[in-house]
Amino acid sequence: MEIRFDGKIALVTGGGTGIGRAITLELARSGASVVINYHSSQQAAEEVVQEITAAGAKAIAVRADVTKKVEIQHLVKTAVDHFGSIAILINNAGDLIQRCPIVEMPEELWEAIMNLNVKGVFLVTQAVLPVMFQQGSGNIINITSIAARTGGGSGAVAYAAAKGAVSTFTRGLAKEVVRQGIRVNAVSPGFILTNFHERNSTPEQIKQATAATPLGRCGAPADIVGAVLYLASDYASFVTGETIDVNGGMLMSY
């Protein structure tokens, strides 16, 4: 089965590093032109653009803080001005920011986690929807987390709550925009080894996560790509409002 996105434009938030990078590169390999949003990882985003263009595909990198409406409006306008449309939106940008027990958590940290993980998805989606409405079609894929169902690990309650909101947002939005030809789904990664866990998890926590995964290893960014490409493709034309869990068996649905 070959999935192709020739002639389609994809916008990936946080597309220069980690899971976002893997998604961006595979979308480009599959024929899409890609807009790579980044906030602080300019060098990484530009390196991804260089890799894509060297392979003969098209990509641009655009800086924008997903928690700032004006910057998101600029991001979407730049994408449309450059490529003419947005067929696929991957809401990938997010972070735990800092592990902290709720009893000790400063209000500012709670707000920062919610802003990045929830408000960011809202603002980017809100800015892209008019483009998709005008086209009469579109595909939105939100990256949530296993934490949305498990409550998260130590000091990650706020992050888990934020990702729970993303999962619910996915289902609600799917119903709201289905008549406009737009499908909305989510992918829920398990414990994926990226700089996210290099910053936020100890070696012992990584060891414990590996032991808790039936497939016997933690995930890699490439493990998430297949589910995203499937949901973005016509193979999933009858799928909306769903979340695909990619966690090596750490948490199984029933």
Protein backbone atom coordinates (compact mmCIF):
# COMPACT_ATOMS: atom_id res chain seq x y z
CA MET A 1 0.00 0.00 0.00
CA GLU A 2 1.50 3.31 -1.10
CA ILE A 3 0.09 6.53 0.30
CA ARG A 4 0.64 9.60 -1.83
CA PHE A 5 -0.10 13.28 -1.22
CA ASP A 6 0.97 14.74 -4.55
CA GLY A 7 -0.31 18.28 -4.99
CA LYS A 8 -1.40 18.60 -1.35
CA ILE A 9 -0.17 21.16 1.15
CA ALA A 10 0.47 20.15 4.76
CA LEU A 11 1.08 22.38 7.77
CA VAL A 12 2.88 20.73 10.68
CA THR A 13 3.26 22.62 13.95
CA GLY A 14 6.44 21.80 15.80
CA GLY A 15 7.56 20.20 12.56
CA GLY A 16 11.30 20.61 12.96
CA THR A 17 12.03 18.19 15.80
CA GLY A 18 10.97 14.86 17.28
CA ILE A 19 7.68 13.38 16.14
CA GLY A 20 6.89 16.47 14.07
CA ARG A 21 10.13 16.10 12.12
CA ALA A 22 9.43 12.47 11.31
CA ILE A 23 5.91 13.34 10.13
CA THR A 24 7.14 16.26 8.04
CA LEU A 25 9.82 14.25 6.25
CA GLU A 26 7.46 11.39 5.41
CA LEU A 27 4.74 13.72 4.15
CA ALA A 28 7.32 15.29 1.84
CA ARG A 29 8.57 11.88 0.68
CA SER A 30 4.95 11.05 -0.12
CA GLY A 31 4.59 14.06 -2.39
CA ALA A 32 3.20 16.78 -0.13
CA SER A 33 4.54 20.31 0.04
CA VAL A 34 5.11 21.10 3.69
CA VAL A 35 4.95 24.20 5.88
CA ILE A 36 7.11 23.59 8.94
CA ASN A 37 6.11 25.67 11.93
CA TYR A 38 8.68 26.18 14.66
CA HIS A 39 9.05 28.46 17.67
CA SER A 40 12.57 28.21 19.06
CA SER A 41 14.07 25.41 16.92
CA GLN A 42 14.95 27.51 13.87
CA GLN A 43 18.11 25.63 12.94
CA ALA A 44 16.38 22.25 13.17
CA ALA A 45 13.45 23.46 11.04
CA GLU A 46 15.76 24.91 8.39
CA GLU A 47 17.72 21.66 8.27
CA VAL A 48 14.48 19.78 7.59
CA VAL A 49 13.65 22.23 4.78
CA GLN A 50 17.10 21.66 3.28
CA GLU A 51 16.68 17.88 3.45
CA ILE A 52 13.28 18.06 1.77
CA THR A 53 14.30 20.46 -0.99
CA ALA A 54 17.48 18.48 -1.67
CA ALA A 55 15.25 15.50 -2.39
CA GLY A 56 13.23 17.52 -4.89
CA ALA A 57 10.18 18.29 -2.76
CA LYS A 58 8.91 21.64 -1.48
CA ALA A 59 8.99 23.04 2.05
CA ILE A 60 9.22 26.28 3.95
CA ALA A 61 9.85 27.01 7.63
CA VAL A 62 7.77 29.66 9.40
CA ARG A 63 8.33 30.83 12.96
CA ALA A 64 5.22 31.29 15.10
CA ASP A 65 4.32 30.87 18.75
CA VAL A 66 1.20 28.70 18.67
CA THR A 67 -0.13 30.46 21.79
CA LYS A 68 -0.21 33.86 20.04
CA LYS A 69 -3.17 34.51 17.73
CA VAL A 70 -1.44 37.21 15.67
CA GLU A 71 1.54 34.94 15.00
CA ILE A 72 -0.71 32.04 14.01
CA GLN A 73 -2.64 34.26 11.60
CA HIS A 74 0.70 35.20 10.03
CA LEU A 75 1.69 31.53 9.83
CA VAL A 76 -1.49 30.52 8.01
CA LYS A 77 -1.39 33.54 5.70
CA THR A 78 2.23 32.77 4.80
CA ALA A 79 1.34 29.14 4.06
CA VAL A 80 -1.57 30.10 1.81
CA ASP A 81 0.33 32.92 0.09
CA HIS A 82 3.21 30.56 -0.66
CA PHE A 83 1.40 27.38 -1.63
CA GLY A 84 -2.22 28.44 -2.24
CA SER A 85 -4.01 26.15 0.18
CA ILE A 86 -3.77 23.90 3.24
CA ALA A 87 -5.14 20.40 2.77
CA ILE A 88 -3.65 18.78 5.88
CA LEU A 89 -3.08 20.24 9.34
CA ILE A 90 -1.01 18.32 11.88
CA ASN A 91 -1.37 19.88 15.35
CA ASN A 92 1.81 18.44 16.81
CA ALA A 93 3.31 21.27 18.89
CA GLY A 94 3.17 20.53 22.61
CA ASP A 95 5.29 19.80 25.65
CA LEU A 96 5.16 18.79 29.28
CA ILE A 97 7.33 21.88 30.00
CA GLN A 98 8.16 20.79 33.56
CA ARG A 99 7.18 17.96 35.89
CA CYS A 100 5.53 19.33 39.01
CA PRO A 101 3.04 17.95 41.56
CA ILE A 102 -0.28 19.79 41.52
CA VAL A 103 0.05 20.81 45.18
CA GLU A 104 3.28 22.65 44.33
CA MET A 105 2.40 23.92 40.86
CA PRO A 106 2.53 27.69 40.28
CA GLU A 107 -0.47 29.06 38.45
CA GLU A 108 1.86 30.35 35.76
CA LEU A 109 3.16 26.84 35.00
CA TRP A 110 -0.39 25.43 34.78
CA GLU A 111 -1.33 28.21 32.36
CA ALA A 112 1.80 27.68 30.26
CA ILE A 113 1.07 23.95 29.88
CA MET A 114 -2.57 24.58 28.98
CA ASN A 115 -1.69 27.39 26.57
CA LEU A 116 0.88 25.37 24.66
CA ASN A 117 -1.00 22.09 24.49
CA VAL A 118 -4.64 23.21 24.31
CA LYS A 119 -4.84 26.85 23.31
CA GLY A 120 -2.27 26.24 20.59
CA VAL A 121 -4.38 23.50 19.00
CA PHE A 122 -7.44 25.77 19.21
CA LEU A 123 -5.75 28.82 17.67
CA VAL A 124 -4.07 26.98 14.80
CA THR A 125 -7.23 25.03 14.00
CA GLN A 126 -9.37 28.16 14.15
CA ALA A 127 -7.04 29.96 11.73
CA VAL A 128 -6.89 27.06 9.26
CA LEU A 129 -10.61 26.19 9.20
CA PRO A 130 -11.71 29.12 6.97
CA VAL A 131 -9.18 27.96 4.36
CA MET A 132 -10.58 24.44 4.50
CA PHE A 133 -14.17 25.71 4.46
CA GLN A 134 -13.45 27.61 1.25
CA GLN A 135 -11.93 24.48 -0.29
CA GLY A 136 -14.78 22.28 0.88
CA SER A 137 -12.31 19.74 2.21
CA GLY A 138 -9.54 19.24 4.73
CA ASN A 139 -7.89 16.90 7.12
CA ILE A 140 -6.91 17.73 10.70
CA ILE A 141 -4.84 15.37 12.84
CA ASN A 142 -4.10 16.21 16.46
CA ILE A 143 -1.25 14.62 18.38
CA THR A 144 -2.52 13.74 21.82
CA SER A 145 -0.86 11.32 24.29
CA ILE A 146 -1.30 8.10 26.21
CA ALA A 147 -1.27 10.41 29.24
CA ALA A 148 -4.77 11.57 28.26
CA ARG A 149 -6.05 8.12 29.28
CA THR A 150 -3.64 7.12 32.03
CA GLY A 151 -3.42 10.45 33.87
CA GLY A 152 0.27 10.75 33.08
CA GLY A 153 3.42 9.90 34.97
CA SER A 154 4.94 11.54 38.01
CA GLY A 155 4.42 15.30 38.03
CA ALA A 156 2.55 15.26 34.73
CA VAL A 157 -1.09 15.75 35.78
CA ALA A 158 -1.38 19.11 34.03
CA TYR A 159 0.07 17.72 30.80
CA ALA A 160 -2.27 14.72 30.99
CA ALA A 161 -5.25 17.01 31.53
CA ALA A 162 -4.21 19.14 28.56
CA LYS A 163 -3.89 16.13 26.29
CA GLY A 164 -7.26 14.89 27.54
CA ALA A 165 -8.68 18.19 26.34
CA VAL A 166 -7.04 17.66 22.93
CA SER A 167 -8.64 14.22 22.66
CA THR A 168 -12.08 15.62 23.49
CA PHE A 169 -11.55 18.59 21.17
CA THR A 170 -10.84 16.10 18.39
CA ARG A 171 -14.16 14.30 18.83
CA GLY A 172 -16.20 17.47 19.21
CA LEU A 173 -14.62 19.25 16.26
CA ALA A 174 -15.09 16.20 14.05
CA LYS A 175 -18.85 16.51 14.53
CA GLU A 176 -18.81 20.27 14.06
CA VAL A 177 -17.04 20.38 10.69
CA VAL A 178 -17.97 17.07 9.06
CA ARG A 179 -20.58 18.71 6.81
CA GLN A 180 -17.89 21.00 5.41
CA GLY A 181 -15.93 18.00 4.11
CA ILE A 182 -13.34 18.06 6.88
CA ARG A 183 -12.20 15.00 8.80
CA VAL A 184 -10.67 15.38 12.27
CA ASN A 185 -8.78 12.58 14.01
CA ALA A 186 -5.96 12.12 16.49
CA VAL A 187 -2.94 9.94 17.11
CA SER A 188 -2.02 9.09 20.69
CA PRO A 189 1.65 8.18 21.12
CA GLY A 190 2.91 6.14 24.03
CA PHE A 191 6.42 6.57 25.43
CA ILE A 192 8.36 7.89 22.43
CA LEU A 193 12.07 8.59 22.82
CA THR A 194 12.66 12.16 21.66
CA ASN A 195 14.23 15.25 23.22
CA PHE A 196 10.88 15.55 25.07
CA HIS A 197 11.91 12.69 27.35
CA GLU A 198 15.57 13.64 27.29
CA ARG A 199 14.48 16.84 29.01
CA ASN A 200 11.61 15.56 31.14
CA SER A 201 12.36 11.95 32.11
CA THR A 202 15.11 10.30 34.12
CA PRO A 203 16.99 7.19 32.94
CA GLU A 204 15.05 5.23 35.56
CA GLN A 205 11.71 6.47 34.21
CA ILE A 206 12.76 5.48 30.69
CA LYS A 207 13.79 2.04 31.97
CA GLN A 208 10.42 1.62 33.69
CA ALA A 209 8.54 2.67 30.55
CA THR A 210 10.46 0.14 28.50
CA ALA A 211 9.64 -2.62 30.98
CA ALA A 212 5.94 -1.64 30.89
CA THR A 213 5.74 -1.89 27.09
CA PRO A 214 4.73 -5.37 25.86
CA LEU A 215 6.65 -4.94 22.60
CA GLY A 216 9.78 -4.63 24.73
CA ARG A 217 10.99 -1.18 23.72
CA CYS A 218 10.07 2.45 23.82
CA GLY A 219 8.86 4.02 20.61
CA ALA A 220 10.68 6.15 18.09
CA PRO A 221 9.26 9.11 16.13
CA ALA A 222 9.08 6.94 13.01
CA ASP A 223 6.61 4.66 14.81
CA ILE A 224 4.01 7.45 14.81
CA VAL A 225 4.26 8.29 11.14
CA GLY A 226 2.22 5.43 9.71
CA ALA A 227 -0.88 6.22 11.74
CA VAL A 228 -0.69 9.89 10.79
CA LEU A 229 -0.27 9.19 7.09
CA TYR A 230 -3.15 6.72 7.13
CA LEU A 231 -5.51 9.22 8.77
CA ALA A 232 -4.45 11.93 6.33
CA SER A 233 -5.03 9.70 3.32
CA ASP A 234 -8.06 8.58 1.35
CA TYR A 235 -7.67 5.14 2.92
CA ALA A 236 -9.27 6.75 5.99
CA SER A 237 -12.05 8.50 4.08
CA PHE A 238 -14.69 6.92 6.35
CA VAL A 239 -12.81 7.68 9.58
CA THR A 240 -13.44 10.80 11.65
CA GLY A 241 -13.52 11.62 15.34
CA GLU A 242 -11.19 8.71 16.10
CA THR A 243 -7.94 8.37 18.04
CA ILE A 244 -5.35 5.79 17.06
CA ASP A 245 -3.19 4.59 19.95
CA VAL A 246 0.45 3.91 19.07
CA ASN A 247 2.05 2.72 22.30
CA GLY A 248 3.55 -0.73 21.83
CA GLY A 249 0.78 -2.30 23.89
CA MET A 250 1.41 -0.19 26.98
CA LEU A 251 -2.30 0.64 27.03
CA MET A 252 -4.77 -1.46 25.10
CA SER A 253 -8.30 -0.43 24.19
CA TYR A 254 -11.26 -2.69 24.91
